[in-house]
């Protein structure tokens, strides 16, 4: 997702006046914050935690006993794959998944579907 920072000033006077994800609103805010002494500027940033479709990466542990701790959004310095990712243990069991979704409930649902399909496929092969 793109973020627009409306800024003013230079050096020690530099500051952010407003943040928005709406480009039209950023243009209006730029005009609002510009005055006879100083123009405001729009700085454009990309939120680095989303994929190309604007979905958020979540890590999911299928073996977790606590439903409140089995899934969380990846952020910051986490290594984030470009697409859904599954890691397996030495026995071929799913250990963790990284899935992209718009929210945590969607991530859990998607991850559980992947695990169910994998387990069904594994059961057929036995």
N, C-alpha and C. Protein backbone atom coordinates (compact mmCIF):
# COMPACT_ATOMS: atom_id res chain seq x y z
N UNK A 1 0.84 -1.16 0.00
CA UNK A 1 0.00 0.00 0.00
C UNK A 1 0.90 1.23 0.00
N UNK A 2 0.51 2.22 -0.77
CA UNK A 2 1.24 3.47 -0.78
C UNK A 2 0.77 4.36 0.36
N UNK A 3 1.73 5.03 0.98
CA UNK A 3 1.44 6.01 2.02
C UNK A 3 1.98 7.35 1.56
N UNK A 4 1.25 8.40 1.84
CA UNK A 4 1.65 9.75 1.45
C UNK A 4 1.85 10.58 2.71
N UNK A 5 3.07 11.10 2.85
CA UNK A 5 3.39 11.96 4.00
C UNK A 5 3.41 13.40 3.51
N UNK A 6 2.68 14.26 4.18
CA UNK A 6 2.70 15.68 3.86
C UNK A 6 3.69 16.30 4.83
N UNK A 7 4.76 16.88 4.29
CA UNK A 7 5.86 17.37 5.12
C UNK A 7 6.11 18.85 4.87
N UNK A 8 6.78 19.47 5.83
CA UNK A 8 7.19 20.87 5.72
C UNK A 8 8.53 21.03 6.41
N UNK A 9 9.18 22.12 6.09
CA UNK A 9 10.40 22.50 6.79
C UNK A 9 11.65 21.83 6.25
N UNK A 10 12.77 22.31 6.76
CA UNK A 10 14.08 21.78 6.39
C UNK A 10 14.92 21.60 7.65
N UNK A 11 15.83 20.66 7.60
CA UNK A 11 16.76 20.39 8.69
C UNK A 11 16.01 20.19 10.01
N UNK A 12 16.34 20.95 11.04
CA UNK A 12 15.71 20.74 12.34
C UNK A 12 14.24 21.16 12.38
N UNK A 13 13.79 21.90 11.37
CA UNK A 13 12.39 22.31 11.31
C UNK A 13 11.53 21.32 10.49
N UNK A 14 12.18 20.30 9.87
CA UNK A 14 11.46 19.31 9.05
C UNK A 14 10.49 18.53 9.94
N UNK A 15 9.26 18.36 9.47
CA UNK A 15 8.28 17.59 10.23
C UNK A 15 7.19 17.06 9.30
N UNK A 16 6.49 16.05 9.78
CA UNK A 16 5.37 15.48 9.06
C UNK A 16 4.10 16.14 9.57
N UNK A 17 3.33 16.69 8.67
CA UNK A 17 2.06 17.34 9.03
C UNK A 17 0.91 16.34 9.07
N UNK A 18 0.93 15.39 8.12
CA UNK A 18 -0.18 14.42 8.03
C UNK A 18 0.29 13.20 7.23
N UNK A 19 -0.41 12.07 7.45
CA UNK A 19 -0.20 10.84 6.69
C UNK A 19 -1.55 10.37 6.16
N UNK A 20 -1.54 9.85 4.95
CA UNK A 20 -2.77 9.30 4.37
C UNK A 20 -2.40 8.24 3.34
N UNK A 21 -3.34 7.37 3.04
CA UNK A 21 -3.14 6.39 1.96
C UNK A 21 -3.91 6.81 0.71
N UNK A 22 -4.57 7.95 0.75
CA UNK A 22 -5.38 8.47 -0.35
C UNK A 22 -4.63 9.60 -1.05
N UNK A 23 -4.27 9.40 -2.32
CA UNK A 23 -3.47 10.39 -3.05
C UNK A 23 -4.22 11.72 -3.22
N UNK A 24 -5.53 11.67 -3.51
CA UNK A 24 -6.30 12.90 -3.66
C UNK A 24 -6.34 13.68 -2.34
N UNK A 25 -6.50 12.97 -1.26
CA UNK A 25 -6.51 13.62 0.05
C UNK A 25 -5.14 14.24 0.33
N UNK A 26 -4.08 13.54 -0.06
CA UNK A 26 -2.73 14.08 0.13
C UNK A 26 -2.57 15.40 -0.60
N UNK A 27 -3.11 15.49 -1.81
CA UNK A 27 -3.04 16.73 -2.59
C UNK A 27 -3.79 17.86 -1.87
N UNK A 28 -4.96 17.54 -1.34
CA UNK A 28 -5.73 18.55 -0.60
C UNK A 28 -4.99 18.98 0.67
N UNK A 29 -4.40 18.02 1.37
CA UNK A 29 -3.66 18.35 2.59
C UNK A 29 -2.42 19.19 2.28
N UNK A 30 -1.79 18.91 1.16
CA UNK A 30 -0.62 19.71 0.76
C UNK A 30 -1.03 21.17 0.61
N UNK A 31 -2.14 21.41 -0.06
CA UNK A 31 -2.64 22.78 -0.22
C UNK A 31 -2.99 23.40 1.12
N UNK A 32 -3.60 22.62 1.99
CA UNK A 32 -4.01 23.11 3.30
C UNK A 32 -2.80 23.54 4.13
N UNK A 33 -1.72 22.72 4.11
CA UNK A 33 -0.55 23.00 4.94
C UNK A 33 0.42 24.00 4.32
N UNK A 34 0.30 24.26 3.03
CA UNK A 34 1.16 25.27 2.39
C UNK A 34 0.67 26.65 2.80
N UNK A 35 1.62 27.55 3.05
CA UNK A 35 1.23 28.92 3.40
C UNK A 35 2.21 29.89 2.75
N UNK A 36 2.10 31.16 3.08
CA UNK A 36 2.92 32.18 2.43
C UNK A 36 4.40 32.06 2.81
N UNK A 37 4.72 31.36 3.90
CA UNK A 37 6.10 31.24 4.33
C UNK A 37 6.78 29.96 3.86
N UNK A 38 5.99 28.91 3.67
CA UNK A 38 6.61 27.61 3.37
C UNK A 38 5.62 26.71 2.63
N UNK A 39 6.08 26.07 1.58
CA UNK A 39 5.26 25.10 0.87
C UNK A 39 5.35 23.74 1.56
N UNK A 40 4.26 23.02 1.52
CA UNK A 40 4.25 21.64 2.00
C UNK A 40 4.60 20.73 0.81
N UNK A 41 5.06 19.54 1.10
CA UNK A 41 5.45 18.58 0.07
C UNK A 41 4.77 17.24 0.34
N UNK A 42 4.61 16.47 -0.72
CA UNK A 42 4.08 15.11 -0.58
C UNK A 42 5.23 14.15 -0.81
N UNK A 43 5.47 13.29 0.17
CA UNK A 43 6.48 12.23 0.03
C UNK A 43 5.73 10.91 -0.06
N UNK A 44 6.12 10.09 -1.01
CA UNK A 44 5.42 8.84 -1.26
C UNK A 44 6.26 7.67 -0.73
N UNK A 45 5.63 6.79 0.03
CA UNK A 45 6.30 5.62 0.59
C UNK A 45 5.49 4.37 0.29
N UNK A 46 6.17 3.26 0.23
CA UNK A 46 5.54 1.97 0.01
C UNK A 46 5.63 1.17 1.30
N UNK A 47 4.50 0.67 1.78
CA UNK A 47 4.51 -0.18 2.96
C UNK A 47 5.14 -1.50 2.56
N UNK A 48 6.27 -1.83 3.15
CA UNK A 48 7.04 -2.99 2.74
C UNK A 48 6.52 -4.33 3.19
N UNK A 49 5.45 -4.38 3.97
CA UNK A 49 4.98 -5.66 4.49
C UNK A 49 3.89 -6.30 3.66
N UNK A 50 3.49 -5.70 2.57
CA UNK A 50 2.43 -6.27 1.76
C UNK A 50 3.00 -6.80 0.46
N UNK A 51 2.29 -7.73 -0.14
CA UNK A 51 2.73 -8.23 -1.45
C UNK A 51 2.13 -7.36 -2.55
N UNK A 52 2.36 -7.73 -3.78
CA UNK A 52 1.93 -6.92 -4.92
C UNK A 52 0.42 -6.74 -4.99
N UNK A 53 -0.35 -7.62 -4.38
CA UNK A 53 -1.81 -7.51 -4.40
C UNK A 53 -2.34 -6.77 -3.17
N UNK A 54 -1.45 -6.24 -2.35
CA UNK A 54 -1.87 -5.51 -1.17
C UNK A 54 -2.25 -6.40 0.00
N UNK A 55 -1.90 -7.68 -0.06
CA UNK A 55 -2.22 -8.61 1.02
C UNK A 55 -1.08 -8.66 2.04
N UNK A 56 -1.41 -8.97 3.26
CA UNK A 56 -0.45 -8.98 4.37
C UNK A 56 0.05 -10.41 4.59
N UNK A 57 1.36 -10.60 4.85
CA UNK A 57 1.87 -11.95 5.14
C UNK A 57 1.60 -12.35 6.60
N UNK A 58 1.13 -13.58 6.78
CA UNK A 58 0.89 -14.12 8.11
C UNK A 58 1.64 -15.44 8.24
N UNK A 59 2.20 -15.70 9.41
CA UNK A 59 2.83 -17.00 9.71
C UNK A 59 1.82 -17.80 10.51
N UNK A 60 1.65 -19.08 10.13
CA UNK A 60 0.67 -19.96 10.77
C UNK A 60 1.36 -21.27 11.18
N UNK A 61 1.10 -21.73 12.42
CA UNK A 61 1.61 -23.00 12.92
C UNK A 61 0.45 -23.96 13.11
N UNK A 62 0.33 -24.99 12.28
CA UNK A 62 -0.80 -25.91 12.40
C UNK A 62 -0.77 -26.74 13.69
N UNK A 63 0.40 -26.96 14.31
CA UNK A 63 0.48 -27.78 15.52
C UNK A 63 0.22 -27.00 16.79
N UNK A 64 0.02 -25.70 16.71
CA UNK A 64 -0.18 -24.89 17.91
C UNK A 64 -1.44 -25.33 18.65
N UNK A 65 -1.33 -25.44 19.95
CA UNK A 65 -2.47 -25.83 20.79
C UNK A 65 -3.32 -24.61 21.18
N UNK A 66 -2.75 -23.42 21.04
CA UNK A 66 -3.44 -22.20 21.44
C UNK A 66 -3.89 -21.43 20.20
N UNK A 67 -5.20 -21.35 20.00
CA UNK A 67 -5.74 -20.71 18.81
C UNK A 67 -5.41 -19.23 18.72
N UNK A 68 -5.10 -18.61 19.87
CA UNK A 68 -4.75 -17.19 19.88
C UNK A 68 -3.29 -16.95 19.50
N UNK A 69 -2.50 -18.02 19.45
CA UNK A 69 -1.08 -17.87 19.15
C UNK A 69 -0.66 -18.65 17.91
N UNK A 70 -1.61 -19.19 17.16
CA UNK A 70 -1.25 -20.01 16.01
C UNK A 70 -0.98 -19.21 14.75
N UNK A 71 -1.27 -17.90 14.76
CA UNK A 71 -1.14 -17.10 13.56
C UNK A 71 -0.85 -15.64 13.93
N UNK A 72 0.11 -15.03 13.22
CA UNK A 72 0.38 -13.61 13.45
C UNK A 72 0.92 -12.98 12.17
N UNK A 73 0.75 -11.67 12.06
CA UNK A 73 1.23 -10.94 10.88
C UNK A 73 2.74 -10.78 10.97
N UNK A 74 3.41 -10.98 9.85
CA UNK A 74 4.85 -10.75 9.78
C UNK A 74 5.09 -9.27 9.56
N UNK A 75 6.09 -8.73 10.19
CA UNK A 75 6.37 -7.32 10.02
C UNK A 75 7.84 -7.04 10.30
N UNK A 76 8.22 -5.81 10.09
CA UNK A 76 9.57 -5.37 10.43
C UNK A 76 10.64 -6.09 9.65
N UNK A 77 11.57 -6.70 10.37
CA UNK A 77 12.73 -7.33 9.75
C UNK A 77 12.52 -8.80 9.41
N UNK A 78 11.29 -9.27 9.47
CA UNK A 78 11.01 -10.66 9.13
C UNK A 78 11.35 -10.93 7.67
N UNK A 79 11.82 -12.14 7.41
CA UNK A 79 12.06 -12.55 6.03
C UNK A 79 10.71 -12.94 5.46
N UNK A 80 10.29 -12.23 4.41
CA UNK A 80 8.96 -12.45 3.86
C UNK A 80 9.08 -12.97 2.43
N UNK A 81 8.54 -14.17 2.18
CA UNK A 81 8.58 -14.70 0.81
C UNK A 81 7.64 -13.90 -0.09
N UNK A 82 7.80 -14.04 -1.38
CA UNK A 82 6.96 -13.31 -2.32
C UNK A 82 5.60 -13.97 -2.55
N UNK A 83 5.48 -15.23 -2.16
CA UNK A 83 4.20 -15.94 -2.32
C UNK A 83 4.04 -16.91 -1.15
N UNK A 84 2.87 -17.56 -1.09
CA UNK A 84 2.62 -18.52 -0.01
C UNK A 84 3.78 -19.51 0.08
N UNK A 85 4.13 -19.87 1.31
CA UNK A 85 5.29 -20.72 1.54
C UNK A 85 4.96 -21.75 2.61
N UNK A 86 5.42 -22.98 2.40
CA UNK A 86 5.19 -24.05 3.37
C UNK A 86 6.54 -24.66 3.72
N UNK A 87 6.79 -24.86 5.03
CA UNK A 87 8.01 -25.58 5.42
C UNK A 87 7.62 -26.90 6.07
N UNK A 88 8.43 -27.92 5.82
CA UNK A 88 8.16 -29.29 6.27
C UNK A 88 9.27 -29.76 7.19
N UNK A 89 8.94 -30.72 8.09
CA UNK A 89 9.98 -31.35 8.89
C UNK A 89 10.56 -32.54 8.13
N UNK A 90 11.47 -33.26 8.76
CA UNK A 90 12.14 -34.38 8.08
C UNK A 90 11.20 -35.53 7.74
N UNK A 91 10.01 -35.59 8.38
CA UNK A 91 9.03 -36.63 8.08
C UNK A 91 8.00 -36.20 7.05
N UNK A 92 8.14 -34.98 6.54
CA UNK A 92 7.21 -34.50 5.53
C UNK A 92 5.97 -33.84 6.09
N UNK A 93 5.95 -33.59 7.41
CA UNK A 93 4.81 -32.91 8.03
C UNK A 93 4.97 -31.39 7.90
N UNK A 94 3.87 -30.70 7.75
CA UNK A 94 3.91 -29.24 7.67
C UNK A 94 4.24 -28.68 9.04
N UNK A 95 5.27 -27.84 9.09
CA UNK A 95 5.68 -27.22 10.35
C UNK A 95 5.11 -25.81 10.45
N UNK A 96 5.25 -25.04 9.39
CA UNK A 96 4.76 -23.66 9.39
C UNK A 96 4.41 -23.23 7.97
N UNK A 97 3.52 -22.28 7.87
CA UNK A 97 3.13 -21.73 6.58
C UNK A 97 3.22 -20.21 6.65
N UNK A 98 3.52 -19.59 5.52
CA UNK A 98 3.37 -18.15 5.37
C UNK A 98 2.35 -17.98 4.26
N UNK A 99 1.23 -17.34 4.60
CA UNK A 99 0.17 -17.11 3.63
C UNK A 99 -0.15 -15.62 3.58
N UNK A 100 -0.66 -15.18 2.45
CA UNK A 100 -1.02 -13.78 2.26
C UNK A 100 -2.54 -13.66 2.30
N UNK A 101 -3.02 -12.73 3.13
CA UNK A 101 -4.46 -12.51 3.28
C UNK A 101 -4.68 -11.06 3.71
N UNK A 102 -5.95 -10.65 3.67
CA UNK A 102 -6.25 -9.27 4.06
C UNK A 102 -6.40 -9.11 5.57
N UNK A 103 -6.66 -10.22 6.30
CA UNK A 103 -6.78 -10.14 7.75
C UNK A 103 -6.43 -11.50 8.36
N UNK A 104 -6.35 -11.54 9.68
CA UNK A 104 -5.90 -12.75 10.36
C UNK A 104 -6.88 -13.92 10.19
N UNK A 105 -8.19 -13.64 10.20
CA UNK A 105 -9.16 -14.72 10.02
C UNK A 105 -9.04 -15.32 8.62
N UNK A 106 -8.85 -14.47 7.62
CA UNK A 106 -8.65 -14.96 6.26
C UNK A 106 -7.38 -15.78 6.14
N UNK A 107 -6.33 -15.37 6.86
CA UNK A 107 -5.07 -16.11 6.85
C UNK A 107 -5.24 -17.49 7.47
N UNK A 108 -5.94 -17.54 8.61
CA UNK A 108 -6.17 -18.83 9.28
C UNK A 108 -6.97 -19.77 8.38
N UNK A 109 -8.01 -19.23 7.76
CA UNK A 109 -8.85 -20.05 6.88
C UNK A 109 -8.03 -20.59 5.70
N UNK A 110 -7.26 -19.71 5.08
CA UNK A 110 -6.44 -20.13 3.93
C UNK A 110 -5.42 -21.19 4.35
N UNK A 111 -4.75 -20.96 5.48
CA UNK A 111 -3.73 -21.91 5.96
C UNK A 111 -4.36 -23.26 6.30
N UNK A 112 -5.51 -23.25 6.94
CA UNK A 112 -6.18 -24.50 7.30
C UNK A 112 -6.61 -25.28 6.07
N UNK A 113 -7.04 -24.57 5.02
CA UNK A 113 -7.40 -25.23 3.75
C UNK A 113 -6.18 -25.89 3.13
N UNK A 114 -5.04 -25.21 3.15
CA UNK A 114 -3.80 -25.78 2.60
C UNK A 114 -3.41 -27.03 3.37
N UNK A 115 -3.47 -26.96 4.70
CA UNK A 115 -3.11 -28.11 5.54
C UNK A 115 -4.06 -29.27 5.28
N UNK A 116 -5.36 -29.01 5.20
CA UNK A 116 -6.35 -30.06 4.96
C UNK A 116 -6.11 -30.75 3.62
N UNK A 117 -5.84 -29.97 2.57
CA UNK A 117 -5.56 -30.56 1.25
C UNK A 117 -4.30 -31.41 1.30
N UNK A 118 -3.27 -30.92 1.99
CA UNK A 118 -2.02 -31.67 2.09
C UNK A 118 -2.24 -32.98 2.84
N UNK A 119 -2.98 -32.92 3.94
CA UNK A 119 -3.23 -34.13 4.72
C UNK A 119 -4.09 -35.13 3.94
N UNK A 120 -5.06 -34.65 3.19
CA UNK A 120 -5.89 -35.54 2.36
C UNK A 120 -5.04 -36.21 1.30
N UNK A 121 -4.17 -35.45 0.67
CA UNK A 121 -3.28 -36.00 -0.36
C UNK A 121 -2.33 -37.03 0.26
N UNK A 122 -1.78 -36.75 1.44
CA UNK A 122 -0.88 -37.67 2.12
C UNK A 122 -1.60 -38.96 2.51
N UNK A 123 -2.87 -38.84 2.93
CA UNK A 123 -3.63 -40.02 3.33
C UNK A 123 -3.89 -40.93 2.12
N UNK A 124 -4.12 -40.35 0.95
CA UNK A 124 -4.36 -41.14 -0.27
C UNK A 124 -3.11 -41.91 -0.67
N UNK A 125 -1.94 -41.31 -0.44
CA UNK A 125 -0.69 -41.93 -0.87
C UNK A 125 -0.30 -43.09 0.02
N UNK A 126 -0.84 -43.18 1.23
CA UNK A 126 -0.48 -44.25 2.18
C UNK A 126 -1.16 -45.53 1.89
